[in-house]
């Protein structure tokens, strides 16, 4: 039983440290030691949000990574308000980018935002679209991680 519960538990009865870290354990109050460890853990946790080694996947931060991807949607996608619905869905998800009709009868554009939101929009472009559209397929190209968004809104290009 310790006579002073606020003192490092590894101190011998004569007051000399008996632990491996003798220089750190000279009558350091346990609560101060634990507070320091807590601050170190908090700092390292915060730092890990900003630094990621190449090739490492961080499940929680992965959805927050900003990406950019180009897309083209094939099928009956012109004359059915596809661009308007695409813009609305993109804005609803908090994405930025653009959408336009092509001379080939497709709709193309670019999406930018957090990975999880872009993935949701890609699925929407492949399967849902506007109510009167009929999507045959969608292609996605030039996907890349970006540090900042290139656009401030989701625009319909005429």
N, C-alpha and C. Protein backbone atom coordinates (compact mmCIF):
# COMPACT_ATOMS: atom_id res chain seq x y z
N UNK A 1 0.84 -1.18 0.00
CA UNK A 1 0.00 0.00 0.00
C UNK A 1 0.88 1.24 0.00
N UNK A 2 0.58 2.19 -0.85
CA UNK A 2 1.36 3.41 -0.94
C UNK A 2 0.92 4.39 0.14
N UNK A 3 1.93 5.08 0.71
CA UNK A 3 1.58 6.08 1.71
C UNK A 3 1.11 7.37 1.06
N UNK A 4 1.58 7.66 -0.15
CA UNK A 4 1.18 8.87 -0.85
C UNK A 4 0.64 8.47 -2.22
N UNK A 5 -0.69 8.40 -2.40
CA UNK A 5 -1.26 7.92 -3.66
C UNK A 5 -0.99 8.85 -4.83
N UNK A 6 -0.49 10.06 -4.60
CA UNK A 6 -0.20 10.98 -5.69
C UNK A 6 1.21 10.85 -6.21
N UNK A 7 1.99 9.89 -5.70
CA UNK A 7 3.38 9.74 -6.10
C UNK A 7 3.52 8.49 -6.95
N UNK A 8 4.47 8.50 -7.87
CA UNK A 8 4.69 7.37 -8.77
C UNK A 8 4.77 6.07 -7.99
N UNK A 9 3.99 5.06 -8.39
CA UNK A 9 3.92 3.81 -7.64
C UNK A 9 5.20 2.97 -7.70
N UNK A 10 6.13 3.33 -8.58
CA UNK A 10 7.34 2.51 -8.68
C UNK A 10 8.45 2.98 -7.74
N UNK A 11 8.18 4.00 -6.90
CA UNK A 11 9.19 4.45 -5.96
C UNK A 11 9.31 3.46 -4.81
N UNK A 12 10.53 3.17 -4.44
CA UNK A 12 10.76 2.28 -3.29
C UNK A 12 10.46 3.04 -2.01
N UNK A 13 10.47 2.33 -0.89
CA UNK A 13 10.13 2.96 0.40
C UNK A 13 11.11 4.08 0.76
N UNK A 14 12.36 3.96 0.31
CA UNK A 14 13.33 5.00 0.65
C UNK A 14 13.27 6.20 -0.29
N UNK A 15 12.35 6.19 -1.28
CA UNK A 15 12.17 7.31 -2.17
C UNK A 15 12.95 7.21 -3.46
N UNK A 16 13.76 6.17 -3.61
CA UNK A 16 14.53 5.99 -4.84
C UNK A 16 13.66 5.27 -5.87
N UNK A 17 13.71 5.72 -7.12
CA UNK A 17 12.90 5.06 -8.14
C UNK A 17 13.39 3.65 -8.44
N UNK A 18 12.46 2.72 -8.61
CA UNK A 18 12.84 1.35 -8.92
C UNK A 18 12.42 0.97 -10.33
N UNK A 19 11.88 1.92 -11.09
CA UNK A 19 11.42 1.62 -12.44
C UNK A 19 12.54 1.82 -13.46
N UNK A 20 12.31 1.42 -14.69
CA UNK A 20 13.32 1.53 -15.74
C UNK A 20 13.56 2.98 -16.14
N UNK A 21 12.59 3.83 -15.94
CA UNK A 21 12.71 5.24 -16.32
C UNK A 21 13.03 6.08 -15.09
N UNK A 22 14.17 5.85 -14.49
CA UNK A 22 14.53 6.51 -13.23
C UNK A 22 14.51 8.04 -13.36
N UNK A 23 14.95 8.56 -14.48
CA UNK A 23 15.02 10.01 -14.62
C UNK A 23 13.64 10.65 -14.71
N UNK A 24 12.65 9.89 -15.16
CA UNK A 24 11.30 10.43 -15.29
C UNK A 24 10.44 10.19 -14.05
N UNK A 25 10.92 9.43 -13.15
CA UNK A 25 10.04 8.94 -12.08
C UNK A 25 10.43 9.48 -10.71
N UNK A 26 11.06 10.62 -10.62
CA UNK A 26 11.46 11.19 -9.33
C UNK A 26 10.30 11.98 -8.75
N UNK A 27 9.50 11.27 -8.01
CA UNK A 27 8.36 11.87 -7.30
C UNK A 27 7.42 12.65 -8.21
N UNK A 28 7.16 12.14 -9.39
CA UNK A 28 6.20 12.76 -10.31
C UNK A 28 4.81 12.32 -9.88
N UNK A 29 3.94 13.25 -9.62
CA UNK A 29 2.58 12.84 -9.26
C UNK A 29 1.95 12.03 -10.41
N UNK A 30 1.28 10.98 -10.05
CA UNK A 30 0.68 10.08 -11.03
C UNK A 30 -0.30 10.82 -11.92
N UNK A 31 -1.10 11.70 -11.36
CA UNK A 31 -2.08 12.41 -12.17
C UNK A 31 -1.41 13.31 -13.21
N UNK A 32 -0.30 13.95 -12.85
CA UNK A 32 0.42 14.78 -13.82
C UNK A 32 0.99 13.92 -14.93
N UNK A 33 1.51 12.76 -14.57
CA UNK A 33 2.06 11.83 -15.56
C UNK A 33 0.96 11.37 -16.52
N UNK A 34 -0.20 10.98 -15.98
CA UNK A 34 -1.30 10.52 -16.82
C UNK A 34 -1.84 11.64 -17.70
N UNK A 35 -1.89 12.86 -17.19
CA UNK A 35 -2.34 14.00 -18.00
C UNK A 35 -1.39 14.22 -19.17
N UNK A 36 -0.09 14.10 -18.91
CA UNK A 36 0.90 14.26 -19.98
C UNK A 36 0.75 13.19 -21.05
N UNK A 37 0.51 11.95 -20.62
CA UNK A 37 0.31 10.86 -21.57
C UNK A 37 -0.95 11.11 -22.39
N UNK A 38 -2.00 11.58 -21.74
CA UNK A 38 -3.25 11.89 -22.45
C UNK A 38 -3.05 12.97 -23.50
N UNK A 39 -2.29 14.02 -23.15
CA UNK A 39 -2.02 15.08 -24.12
C UNK A 39 -1.20 14.56 -25.29
N UNK A 40 -0.23 13.70 -25.02
CA UNK A 40 0.58 13.12 -26.09
C UNK A 40 -0.27 12.28 -27.03
N UNK A 41 -1.15 11.47 -26.48
CA UNK A 41 -2.04 10.64 -27.30
C UNK A 41 -2.96 11.52 -28.14
N UNK A 42 -3.51 12.56 -27.54
CA UNK A 42 -4.39 13.47 -28.28
C UNK A 42 -3.63 14.16 -29.42
N UNK A 43 -2.40 14.59 -29.14
CA UNK A 43 -1.60 15.24 -30.17
C UNK A 43 -1.30 14.28 -31.32
N UNK A 44 -0.89 13.06 -31.00
CA UNK A 44 -0.56 12.09 -32.04
C UNK A 44 -1.80 11.71 -32.85
N UNK A 45 -2.95 11.62 -32.21
CA UNK A 45 -4.19 11.32 -32.93
C UNK A 45 -4.53 12.44 -33.91
N UNK A 46 -4.36 13.67 -33.47
CA UNK A 46 -4.62 14.82 -34.34
C UNK A 46 -3.64 14.83 -35.50
N UNK A 47 -2.38 14.56 -35.21
CA UNK A 47 -1.36 14.55 -36.26
C UNK A 47 -1.65 13.48 -37.30
N UNK A 48 -2.17 12.34 -36.88
CA UNK A 48 -2.43 11.26 -37.83
C UNK A 48 -3.54 11.62 -38.82
N UNK A 49 -4.37 12.61 -38.50
CA UNK A 49 -5.41 13.04 -39.45
C UNK A 49 -4.81 13.81 -40.61
N UNK A 50 -3.60 14.37 -40.40
CA UNK A 50 -2.99 15.19 -41.44
C UNK A 50 -1.91 14.47 -42.22
N UNK A 51 -1.36 13.42 -41.66
CA UNK A 51 -0.25 12.71 -42.29
C UNK A 51 -0.67 11.29 -42.58
N UNK A 52 -0.45 10.87 -43.82
CA UNK A 52 -0.77 9.49 -44.18
C UNK A 52 0.32 8.98 -45.09
N UNK A 53 0.86 7.85 -44.75
CA UNK A 53 1.89 7.26 -45.58
C UNK A 53 1.27 6.77 -46.88
N UNK A 54 2.00 6.89 -47.99
CA UNK A 54 1.46 6.43 -49.28
C UNK A 54 1.08 4.96 -49.22
N UNK A 55 -0.07 4.64 -49.77
CA UNK A 55 -0.51 3.25 -49.82
C UNK A 55 -1.27 2.79 -48.59
N UNK A 56 -1.26 3.58 -47.53
CA UNK A 56 -2.00 3.18 -46.33
C UNK A 56 -3.43 3.64 -46.44
N UNK A 57 -4.34 2.80 -46.04
CA UNK A 57 -5.75 3.15 -46.07
C UNK A 57 -6.21 3.47 -44.66
N UNK A 58 -6.87 4.60 -44.51
CA UNK A 58 -7.43 4.98 -43.21
C UNK A 58 -8.94 4.99 -43.38
N UNK A 59 -9.60 4.03 -42.82
CA UNK A 59 -11.01 3.82 -43.11
C UNK A 59 -11.86 5.06 -42.82
N UNK A 60 -11.63 5.75 -41.72
CA UNK A 60 -12.47 6.88 -41.40
C UNK A 60 -12.10 8.10 -42.24
N UNK A 61 -10.80 8.33 -42.43
CA UNK A 61 -10.36 9.49 -43.20
C UNK A 61 -10.58 9.29 -44.69
N UNK A 62 -10.72 8.06 -45.13
CA UNK A 62 -10.87 7.76 -46.56
C UNK A 62 -12.08 8.48 -47.14
N UNK A 63 -13.19 8.50 -46.43
CA UNK A 63 -14.39 9.17 -46.94
C UNK A 63 -14.25 10.68 -47.01
N UNK A 64 -13.24 11.23 -46.32
CA UNK A 64 -13.02 12.66 -46.31
C UNK A 64 -12.01 13.11 -47.36
N UNK A 65 -11.33 12.18 -48.01
CA UNK A 65 -10.36 12.52 -49.03
C UNK A 65 -11.09 13.13 -50.22
N UNK A 66 -10.59 14.25 -50.72
CA UNK A 66 -11.21 14.90 -51.87
C UNK A 66 -10.73 14.24 -53.16
N UNK A 67 -11.68 13.93 -54.03
CA UNK A 67 -11.33 13.37 -55.33
C UNK A 67 -12.05 14.13 -56.43
N UNK A 68 -11.52 13.97 -57.62
CA UNK A 68 -12.12 14.53 -58.83
C UNK A 68 -12.27 13.38 -59.82
N UNK A 69 -13.39 13.32 -60.52
CA UNK A 69 -13.61 12.27 -61.52
C UNK A 69 -14.45 12.83 -62.66
N UNK A 70 -14.07 12.48 -63.88
CA UNK A 70 -14.84 12.84 -65.07
C UNK A 70 -15.85 11.73 -65.34
N UNK A 71 -16.98 12.07 -65.92
CA UNK A 71 -18.01 11.05 -66.21
C UNK A 71 -18.68 11.33 -67.54
N UNK A 72 -19.25 10.26 -68.10
CA UNK A 72 -20.09 10.37 -69.29
C UNK A 72 -21.19 9.34 -69.15
N UNK A 73 -22.42 9.77 -69.41
CA UNK A 73 -23.59 8.90 -69.26
C UNK A 73 -24.21 8.68 -70.63
N UNK A 74 -24.47 7.41 -70.96
CA UNK A 74 -25.00 7.01 -72.26
C UNK A 74 -26.43 6.50 -72.10
N UNK A 75 -27.25 6.71 -73.12
CA UNK A 75 -28.64 6.26 -73.10
C UNK A 75 -29.54 7.41 -73.49
N UNK A 76 -30.80 7.34 -73.05
CA UNK A 76 -31.72 8.46 -73.30
C UNK A 76 -31.54 9.44 -72.15
N UNK A 77 -30.58 10.36 -72.35
CA UNK A 77 -30.23 11.28 -71.27
C UNK A 77 -30.33 12.75 -71.70
N UNK A 78 -30.74 13.00 -72.93
CA UNK A 78 -30.96 14.38 -73.37
C UNK A 78 -32.45 14.58 -73.61
N UNK A 79 -32.92 15.79 -73.29
CA UNK A 79 -34.34 16.10 -73.44
C UNK A 79 -35.21 15.53 -72.34
N UNK A 80 -34.59 15.09 -71.25
CA UNK A 80 -35.34 14.49 -70.12
C UNK A 80 -34.92 15.14 -68.79
N UNK A 81 -34.42 16.37 -68.85
CA UNK A 81 -33.99 17.14 -67.67
C UNK A 81 -32.87 16.45 -66.88
N UNK A 82 -32.05 15.67 -67.58
CA UNK A 82 -30.97 14.94 -66.91
C UNK A 82 -29.96 15.89 -66.26
N UNK A 83 -29.60 16.95 -66.98
CA UNK A 83 -28.62 17.90 -66.43
C UNK A 83 -29.17 18.58 -65.17
N UNK A 84 -30.45 18.96 -65.21
CA UNK A 84 -31.05 19.64 -64.06
C UNK A 84 -31.09 18.72 -62.83
N UNK A 85 -31.48 17.48 -63.04
CA UNK A 85 -31.52 16.52 -61.93
C UNK A 85 -30.10 16.19 -61.43
N UNK A 86 -29.15 16.14 -62.36
CA UNK A 86 -27.76 15.87 -61.96
C UNK A 86 -27.23 17.02 -61.10
N UNK A 87 -27.50 18.23 -61.52
CA UNK A 87 -27.08 19.39 -60.74
C UNK A 87 -27.71 19.36 -59.35
N UNK A 88 -29.00 19.08 -59.29
CA UNK A 88 -29.72 19.06 -58.00
C UNK A 88 -29.16 17.98 -57.08
N UNK A 89 -28.89 16.79 -57.62
CA UNK A 89 -28.35 15.69 -56.81
C UNK A 89 -26.94 16.03 -56.34
N UNK A 90 -26.14 16.60 -57.22
CA UNK A 90 -24.78 17.00 -56.84
C UNK A 90 -24.78 18.02 -55.72
N UNK A 91 -25.64 19.02 -55.84
CA UNK A 91 -25.75 20.05 -54.80
C UNK A 91 -26.25 19.45 -53.49
N UNK A 92 -27.23 18.54 -53.59
CA UNK A 92 -27.77 17.89 -52.39
C UNK A 92 -26.67 17.15 -51.63
N UNK A 93 -25.74 16.55 -52.38
CA UNK A 93 -24.64 15.81 -51.76
C UNK A 93 -23.48 16.71 -51.35
N UNK A 94 -23.53 17.97 -51.71
CA UNK A 94 -22.45 18.90 -51.38
C UNK A 94 -21.26 18.80 -52.32
N UNK A 95 -21.50 18.30 -53.52
CA UNK A 95 -20.43 18.18 -54.51
C UNK A 95 -20.36 19.43 -55.37
N UNK A 96 -19.22 19.61 -56.04
CA UNK A 96 -19.07 20.68 -57.01
C UNK A 96 -18.65 20.06 -58.33
N UNK A 97 -18.79 20.84 -59.41
CA UNK A 97 -18.41 20.35 -60.73
C UNK A 97 -19.30 20.94 -61.79
N UNK A 98 -19.51 20.15 -62.84
CA UNK A 98 -20.33 20.63 -63.95
C UNK A 98 -20.93 19.46 -64.71
N UNK A 99 -21.93 19.79 -65.54
CA UNK A 99 -22.61 18.80 -66.38
C UNK A 99 -23.00 19.48 -67.68
N UNK A 100 -22.90 18.76 -68.80
CA UNK A 100 -23.29 19.33 -70.09
C UNK A 100 -23.72 18.23 -71.04
N UNK A 101 -24.54 18.62 -72.03
CA UNK A 101 -24.90 17.72 -73.13
C UNK A 101 -23.73 17.68 -74.12
N UNK A 102 -23.61 16.55 -74.83
CA UNK A 102 -22.61 16.46 -75.89
C UNK A 102 -23.32 16.36 -77.24
N UNK A 103 -22.57 16.57 -78.30
CA UNK A 103 -23.12 16.45 -79.65
C UNK A 103 -23.43 14.99 -80.00
N UNK A 104 -22.90 14.05 -79.23
CA UNK A 104 -23.12 12.62 -79.47
C UNK A 104 -24.36 12.09 -78.75
N UNK A 105 -25.10 12.95 -78.08
CA UNK A 105 -26.32 12.52 -77.39
C UNK A 105 -26.10 12.01 -75.98
N UNK A 106 -24.89 12.22 -75.44
CA UNK A 106 -24.60 11.79 -74.07
C UNK A 106 -24.58 13.01 -73.16
N UNK A 107 -24.38 12.76 -71.89
CA UNK A 107 -24.18 13.83 -70.91
C UNK A 107 -22.82 13.57 -70.28
N UNK A 108 -22.02 14.62 -70.15
CA UNK A 108 -20.71 14.47 -69.53
C UNK A 108 -20.48 15.56 -68.50
N UNK A 109 -19.47 15.36 -67.67
CA UNK A 109 -19.15 16.37 -66.67
C UNK A 109 -18.03 15.93 -65.78
N UNK A 110 -17.92 16.65 -64.69
CA UNK A 110 -16.89 16.37 -63.69
C UNK A 110 -17.48 16.54 -62.30
N UNK A 111 -17.11 15.63 -61.40
CA UNK A 111 -17.53 15.67 -60.00
C UNK A 111 -16.31 15.90 -59.12
N UNK A 112 -16.47 16.70 -58.08
CA UNK A 112 -15.41 16.87 -57.09
C UNK A 112 -16.04 16.93 -55.70
N UNK A 113 -15.37 16.27 -54.76
CA UNK A 113 -15.83 16.30 -53.38
C UNK A 113 -15.26 15.13 -52.60
N UNK A 114 -15.77 14.90 -51.39
CA UNK A 114 -15.31 13.77 -50.58
C UNK A 114 -15.61 12.44 -51.27
N UNK A 115 -14.71 11.49 -51.13
CA UNK A 115 -14.81 10.21 -51.82
C UNK A 115 -16.17 9.56 -51.63
N UNK A 116 -16.67 9.50 -50.40
CA UNK A 116 -17.93 8.81 -50.14
C UNK A 116 -19.09 9.48 -50.88
N UNK A 117 -19.09 10.80 -50.96
CA UNK A 117 -20.16 11.52 -51.66
C UNK A 117 -20.04 11.33 -53.18
N UNK A 118 -18.82 11.35 -53.69
CA UNK A 118 -18.62 11.13 -55.13
C UNK A 118 -19.07 9.72 -55.51
N UNK A 119 -18.77 8.73 -54.67
CA UNK A 119 -19.19 7.35 -54.95
C UNK A 119 -20.72 7.26 -55.00
N UNK A 120 -21.38 7.96 -54.10
CA UNK A 120 -22.84 7.97 -54.08
C UNK A 120 -23.38 8.58 -55.38
N UNK A 121 -22.76 9.66 -55.82
CA UNK A 121 -23.19 10.32 -57.06
C UNK A 121 -22.91 9.44 -58.27
N UNK A 122 -21.81 8.72 -58.27
CA UNK A 122 -21.51 7.81 -59.38
C UNK A 122 -22.59 6.74 -59.50
N UNK A 123 -23.00 6.20 -58.38
CA UNK A 123 -24.07 5.20 -58.39
C UNK A 123 -25.37 5.81 -58.91
N UNK A 124 -25.66 7.02 -58.50
CA UNK A 124 -26.86 7.72 -58.96
C UNK A 124 -26.81 7.90 -60.48
N UNK A 125 -25.65 8.30 -61.01
CA UNK A 125 -25.50 8.50 -62.45
C UNK A 125 -25.63 7.19 -63.23
N UNK A 126 -25.22 6.10 -62.64
CA UNK A 126 -25.29 4.79 -63.31
C UNK A 126 -26.68 4.17 -63.27
N UNK A 127 -27.43 4.45 -62.21
CA UNK A 127 -28.67 3.69 -61.99
C UNK A 127 -29.95 4.51 -61.96
N UNK A 128 -29.88 5.77 -61.60
CA UNK A 128 -31.12 6.51 -61.39
C UNK A 128 -31.32 7.61 -62.43
N UNK A 129 -30.56 8.68 -62.33
CA UNK A 129 -30.73 9.80 -63.27
C UNK A 129 -32.06 10.50 -63.08
N UNK A 130 -32.51 11.17 -64.13
CA UNK A 130 -33.80 11.87 -64.05
C UNK A 130 -34.93 10.85 -64.26
N UNK A 131 -36.14 11.19 -63.81
CA UNK A 131 -37.26 10.24 -63.89
C UNK A 131 -37.55 9.72 -65.30
N UNK A 132 -37.40 10.53 -66.32
CA UNK A 132 -37.74 10.10 -67.68
C UNK A 132 -36.54 9.60 -68.48
N UNK A 133 -35.38 9.56 -67.85
CA UNK A 133 -34.19 9.08 -68.56
C UNK A 133 -34.14 7.56 -68.59
N UNK A 134 -33.32 7.05 -69.49
CA UNK A 134 -33.02 5.61 -69.54
C UNK A 134 -31.51 5.48 -69.71
N UNK A 135 -30.85 5.04 -68.68
CA UNK A 135 -29.39 4.97 -68.67
C UNK A 135 -28.94 3.60 -69.18
N UNK A 136 -28.13 3.61 -70.24
CA UNK A 136 -27.53 2.37 -70.73
C UNK A 136 -26.26 2.05 -69.94
N UNK A 137 -25.42 3.06 -69.78
CA UNK A 137 -24.19 2.87 -69.01
C UNK A 137 -23.59 4.23 -68.68
N UNK A 138 -22.66 4.22 -67.74
CA UNK A 138 -21.92 5.42 -67.38
C UNK A 138 -20.45 5.05 -67.29
N UNK A 139 -19.60 5.93 -67.76
CA UNK A 139 -18.16 5.69 -67.65
C UNK A 139 -17.53 6.79 -66.80
N UNK A 140 -16.52 6.40 -66.03
CA UNK A 140 -15.83 7.31 -65.13
C UNK A 140 -14.34 7.23 -65.43
N UNK A 141 -13.72 8.38 -65.64
CA UNK A 141 -12.31 8.44 -66.02
C UNK A 141 -11.58 9.53 -65.25
N UNK A 142 -10.26 9.46 -65.33
CA UNK A 142 -9.37 10.49 -64.76
C UNK A 142 -9.61 10.74 -63.27
N UNK A 143 -9.90 9.68 -62.52
CA UNK A 143 -10.08 9.87 -61.09
C UNK A 143 -8.74 10.17 -60.44
N UNK A 144 -8.75 11.20 -59.58
CA UNK A 144 -7.52 11.56 -58.88
C UNK A 144 -7.84 12.23 -57.56
N UNK A 145 -6.91 12.09 -56.63
CA UNK A 145 -7.02 12.76 -55.34
C UNK A 145 -6.61 14.22 -55.55
N UNK A 146 -7.37 15.13 -54.96
CA UNK A 146 -7.08 16.56 -55.08
C UNK A 146 -6.95 17.16 -53.68
N UNK A 147 -6.20 18.23 -53.59
CA UNK A 147 -6.02 18.90 -52.29
C UNK A 147 -7.09 19.93 -52.03
N UNK A 148 -7.62 20.52 -53.11
CA UNK A 148 -8.70 21.51 -52.94
C UNK A 148 -9.64 21.42 -54.14
N UNK A 149 -10.84 21.90 -53.94
CA UNK A 149 -11.85 21.88 -54.99
C UNK A 149 -11.55 22.94 -56.04
N UNK A 150 -11.75 22.61 -57.30
CA UNK A 150 -11.52 23.55 -58.39
C UNK A 150 -12.74 24.43 -58.67
N UNK A 151 -13.90 24.05 -58.15
CA UNK A 151 -15.14 24.77 -58.41
C UNK A 151 -15.78 25.16 -57.08
N UNK A 152 -16.67 26.13 -57.13
CA UNK A 152 -17.36 26.56 -55.91
C UNK A 152 -18.82 26.12 -55.90
N UNK A 153 -19.30 25.57 -57.04
CA UNK A 153 -20.70 25.20 -57.18
C UNK A 153 -20.82 24.07 -58.18
N UNK A 154 -22.03 23.61 -58.41
CA UNK A 154 -22.28 22.59 -59.42
C UNK A 154 -23.06 23.27 -60.54
N UNK A 155 -22.42 23.40 -61.71
CA UNK A 155 -22.98 24.19 -62.80
C UNK A 155 -23.47 23.34 -63.96
N UNK A 156 -24.52 23.84 -64.62
CA UNK A 156 -24.95 23.28 -65.91
C UNK A 156 -24.26 24.11 -66.98
N UNK A 157 -23.50 23.43 -67.84
CA UNK A 157 -22.81 24.10 -68.94
C UNK A 157 -23.68 23.98 -70.17
N UNK A 158 -23.95 25.08 -70.84
CA UNK A 158 -24.83 25.08 -72.03
C UNK A 158 -24.02 24.81 -73.27
